[in-house]
Amino acid sequence: MSSPTPYDHLVRLAFDPGISPKGGGLPGLEVLRSVVSSLNLFCIVAVAGALAISLGVWAWGHHTGGHQAESNGKKGALVCVGAALGLGAVNGIIAFFTALGSHIR
C-alpha cells in the first residue's frame, strides 16, 4: 500500500457514479410530458391575456394622465414579454444546459 499524497481527496472527488438520463426507466413518462406540455400551453395563453390587460392599463394610464397606471402597465408588459420569451425557449434552455452539464468532467 502506498503512502497517502496531498491529492488523494481530489481523486475521491473525481469518482464517476455512472448516472445519466435514460428514457423508459419509469412508467408514466409520456403522461408527464403531456401534462408539462399542456401546462406550458396554459401558461402561454395566460401570459397573452396578461399582456393584453397590461397594454390596456398602459394605454388607459397614458390617456387619462394616470402616471402610476401607465408605469404599472409598462412593467406588466415587460414582465409578460419576458415570461413569453422564457416559456417559448424552455426546451432550448433545458437542452443547452443539459448538453453543457454533460461536458463537465
C-alpha atoms as a PDB file:
ATOM      1  CA  MET A   1       0.000   0.000   0.000  1.00  0.00           C
ATOM      2  CA  SER A   2       1.339   3.416  -0.945  1.00  0.00           C
ATOM      3  CA  SER A   3       1.507   6.371   1.377  1.00  0.00           C
ATOM      4  CA  PRO A   4      -1.241   8.995   1.053  1.00  0.00           C
ATOM      5  CA  THR A   5      -0.488  12.013  -1.089  1.00  0.00           C
ATOM      6  CA  PRO A   6      -1.886  15.512  -0.666  1.00  0.00           C
ATOM      7  CA  TYR A   7      -4.027  14.942  -3.780  1.00  0.00           C
ATOM      8  CA  ASP A   8      -5.914  11.833  -2.603  1.00  0.00           C
ATOM      9  CA  HIS A   9      -9.002  13.892  -1.752  1.00  0.00           C
ATOM     10  CA  LEU A  10      -9.157  15.138  -5.369  1.00  0.00           C
ATOM     11  CA  VAL A  11      -9.159  11.586  -6.665  1.00  0.00           C
ATOM     12  CA  ARG A  12     -12.126  10.783  -4.421  1.00  0.00           C
ATOM     13  CA  LEU A  13     -13.986  13.879  -5.674  1.00  0.00           C
ATOM     14  CA  ALA A  14     -13.495  12.803  -9.289  1.00  0.00           C
ATOM     15  CA  PHE A  15     -15.335   9.486  -8.852  1.00  0.00           C
ATOM     16  CA  ASP A  16     -17.815   8.893 -11.676  1.00  0.00           C
ATOM     17  CA  PRO A  17     -21.053   7.371 -10.341  1.00  0.00           C
ATOM     18  CA  GLY A  18     -22.154   6.445 -13.891  1.00  0.00           C
ATOM     19  CA  ILE A  19     -25.507   8.249 -13.773  1.00  0.00           C
ATOM     20  CA  SER A  20     -27.014   9.564 -17.000  1.00  0.00           C
ATOM     21  CA  PRO A  21     -30.572  10.304 -18.189  1.00  0.00           C
ATOM     22  CA  LYS A  22     -32.346   7.230 -19.538  1.00  0.00           C
ATOM     23  CA  GLY A  23     -35.763   7.185 -21.173  1.00  0.00           C
ATOM     24  CA  GLY A  24     -38.194   4.427 -20.321  1.00  0.00           C
ATOM     25  CA  GLY A  25     -36.898   3.814 -16.815  1.00  0.00           C
ATOM     26  CA  LEU A  26     -40.155   4.693 -15.064  1.00  0.00           C
ATOM     27  CA  PRO A  27     -43.746   4.266 -16.192  1.00  0.00           C
ATOM     28  CA  GLY A  28     -45.756   7.364 -16.987  1.00  0.00           C
ATOM     29  CA  LEU A  29     -43.065   9.363 -18.768  1.00  0.00           C
ATOM     30  CA  GLU A  30     -45.340  10.108 -21.729  1.00  0.00           C
ATOM     31  CA  VAL A  31     -48.143  11.204 -19.390  1.00  0.00           C
ATOM     32  CA  LEU A  32     -45.735  13.531 -17.574  1.00  0.00           C
ATOM     33  CA  ARG A  33     -44.544  15.014 -20.880  1.00  0.00           C
ATOM     34  CA  SER A  34     -48.141  15.571 -21.919  1.00  0.00           C
ATOM     35  CA  VAL A  35     -49.008  17.263 -18.626  1.00  0.00           C
ATOM     36  CA  VAL A  36     -45.953  19.542 -18.758  1.00  0.00           C
ATOM     37  CA  SER A  37     -46.655  20.446 -22.406  1.00  0.00           C
ATOM     38  CA  SER A  38     -50.269  21.276 -21.554  1.00  0.00           C
ATOM     39  CA  LEU A  39     -49.131  23.353 -18.598  1.00  0.00           C
ATOM     40  CA  ASN A  40     -46.710  25.243 -20.865  1.00  0.00           C
ATOM     41  CA  LEU A  41     -49.529  25.987 -23.322  1.00  0.00           C
ATOM     42  CA  PHE A  42     -51.828  27.102 -20.495  1.00  0.00           C
ATOM     43  CA  CYS A  43     -49.140  29.477 -19.226  1.00  0.00           C
ATOM     44  CA  ILE A  44     -48.578  30.908 -22.714  1.00  0.00           C
ATOM     45  CA  VAL A  45     -52.307  31.620 -23.075  1.00  0.00           C
ATOM     46  CA  ALA A  46     -52.372  33.207 -19.601  1.00  0.00           C
ATOM     47  CA  VAL A  47     -49.389  35.400 -20.495  1.00  0.00           C
ATOM     48  CA  ALA A  48     -51.145  36.516 -23.682  1.00  0.00           C
ATOM     49  CA  GLY A  49     -54.165  37.576 -21.628  1.00  0.00           C
ATOM     50  CA  ALA A  50     -51.985  39.339 -19.060  1.00  0.00           C
ATOM     51  CA  LEU A  51     -50.159  41.164 -21.855  1.00  0.00           C
ATOM     52  CA  ALA A  52     -53.447  42.403 -23.312  1.00  0.00           C
ATOM     53  CA  ILE A  53     -54.527  43.661 -19.885  1.00  0.00           C
ATOM     54  CA  SER A  54     -51.148  45.315 -19.238  1.00  0.00           C
ATOM     55  CA  LEU A  55     -51.213  47.070 -22.590  1.00  0.00           C
ATOM     56  CA  GLY A  56     -54.751  48.263 -21.876  1.00  0.00           C
ATOM     57  CA  VAL A  57     -53.701  49.633 -18.467  1.00  0.00           C
ATOM     58  CA  TRP A  58     -50.701  51.330 -20.077  1.00  0.00           C
ATOM     59  CA  ALA A  59     -52.891  52.999 -22.717  1.00  0.00           C
ATOM     60  CA  TRP A  60     -55.586  53.949 -20.187  1.00  0.00           C
ATOM     61  CA  GLY A  61     -52.991  55.476 -17.845  1.00  0.00           C
ATOM     62  CA  HIS A  62     -51.396  57.402 -20.696  1.00  0.00           C
ATOM     63  CA  HIS A  63     -54.656  58.883 -21.968  1.00  0.00           C
ATOM     64  CA  THR A  64     -56.072  59.772 -18.544  1.00  0.00           C
ATOM     65  CA  GLY A  65     -52.839  61.190 -17.127  1.00  0.00           C
ATOM     66  CA  GLY A  66     -52.565  58.427 -14.524  1.00  0.00           C
ATOM     67  CA  HIS A  67     -48.813  58.114 -14.252  1.00  0.00           C
ATOM     68  CA  GLN A  68     -48.989  55.259 -11.750  1.00  0.00           C
ATOM     69  CA  ALA A  69     -51.298  53.218 -14.007  1.00  0.00           C
ATOM     70  CA  GLU A  70     -49.103  53.953 -17.014  1.00  0.00           C
ATOM     71  CA  SER A  71     -45.999  52.843 -15.126  1.00  0.00           C
ATOM     72  CA  ASN A  72     -47.683  49.659 -13.903  1.00  0.00           C
ATOM     73  CA  GLY A  73     -48.887  48.875 -17.429  1.00  0.00           C
ATOM     74  CA  LYS A  74     -45.355  49.228 -18.767  1.00  0.00           C
ATOM     75  CA  LYS A  75     -43.947  46.971 -16.042  1.00  0.00           C
ATOM     76  CA  GLY A  76     -46.656  44.401 -16.648  1.00  0.00           C
ATOM     77  CA  ALA A  77     -45.992  44.405 -20.385  1.00  0.00           C
ATOM     78  CA  LEU A  78     -42.258  43.891 -19.855  1.00  0.00           C
ATOM     79  CA  VAL A  79     -42.862  41.046 -17.403  1.00  0.00           C
ATOM     80  CA  CYS A  80     -45.248  39.396 -19.887  1.00  0.00           C
ATOM     81  CA  VAL A  81     -42.728  39.698 -22.712  1.00  0.00           C
ATOM     82  CA  GLY A  82     -40.038  38.122 -20.511  1.00  0.00           C
ATOM     83  CA  ALA A  83     -42.373  35.334 -19.449  1.00  0.00           C
ATOM     84  CA  ALA A  84     -43.340  34.618 -23.055  1.00  0.00           C
ATOM     85  CA  LEU A  85     -39.671  34.519 -24.028  1.00  0.00           C
ATOM     86  CA  GLY A  86     -38.894  32.069 -21.231  1.00  0.00           C
ATOM     87  CA  LEU A  87     -41.898  29.847 -21.937  1.00  0.00           C
ATOM     88  CA  GLY A  88     -41.115  29.693 -25.638  1.00  0.00           C
ATOM     89  CA  ALA A  89     -37.440  28.972 -25.057  1.00  0.00           C
ATOM     90  CA  VAL A  90     -37.852  26.405 -22.282  1.00  0.00           C
ATOM     91  CA  ASN A  91     -36.870  23.414 -24.469  1.00  0.00           C
ATOM     92  CA  GLY A  92     -33.812  25.196 -25.832  1.00  0.00           C
ATOM     93  CA  ILE A  93     -32.704  26.392 -22.396  1.00  0.00           C
ATOM     94  CA  ILE A  94     -33.010  22.912 -20.892  1.00  0.00           C
ATOM     95  CA  ALA A  95     -31.254  21.296 -23.868  1.00  0.00           C
ATOM     96  CA  PHE A  96     -28.429  23.861 -23.763  1.00  0.00           C
ATOM     97  CA  PHE A  97     -27.675  23.460 -20.065  1.00  0.00           C
ATOM     98  CA  THR A  98     -28.083  19.668 -20.187  1.00  0.00           C
ATOM     99  CA  ALA A  99     -25.532  19.490 -23.010  1.00  0.00           C
ATOM    100  CA  LEU A 100     -23.280  21.919 -21.163  1.00  0.00           C
ATOM    101  CA  GLY A 101     -23.517  19.857 -17.987  1.00  0.00           C
ATOM    102  CA  SER A 102     -22.754  16.605 -19.791  1.00  0.00           C
ATOM    103  CA  HIS A 103     -19.380  18.020 -20.888  1.00  0.00           C
ATOM    104  CA  ILE A 104     -18.241  18.727 -17.337  1.00  0.00           C
ATOM    105  CA  ARG A 105     -15.655  16.197 -16.197  1.00  0.00           C
END
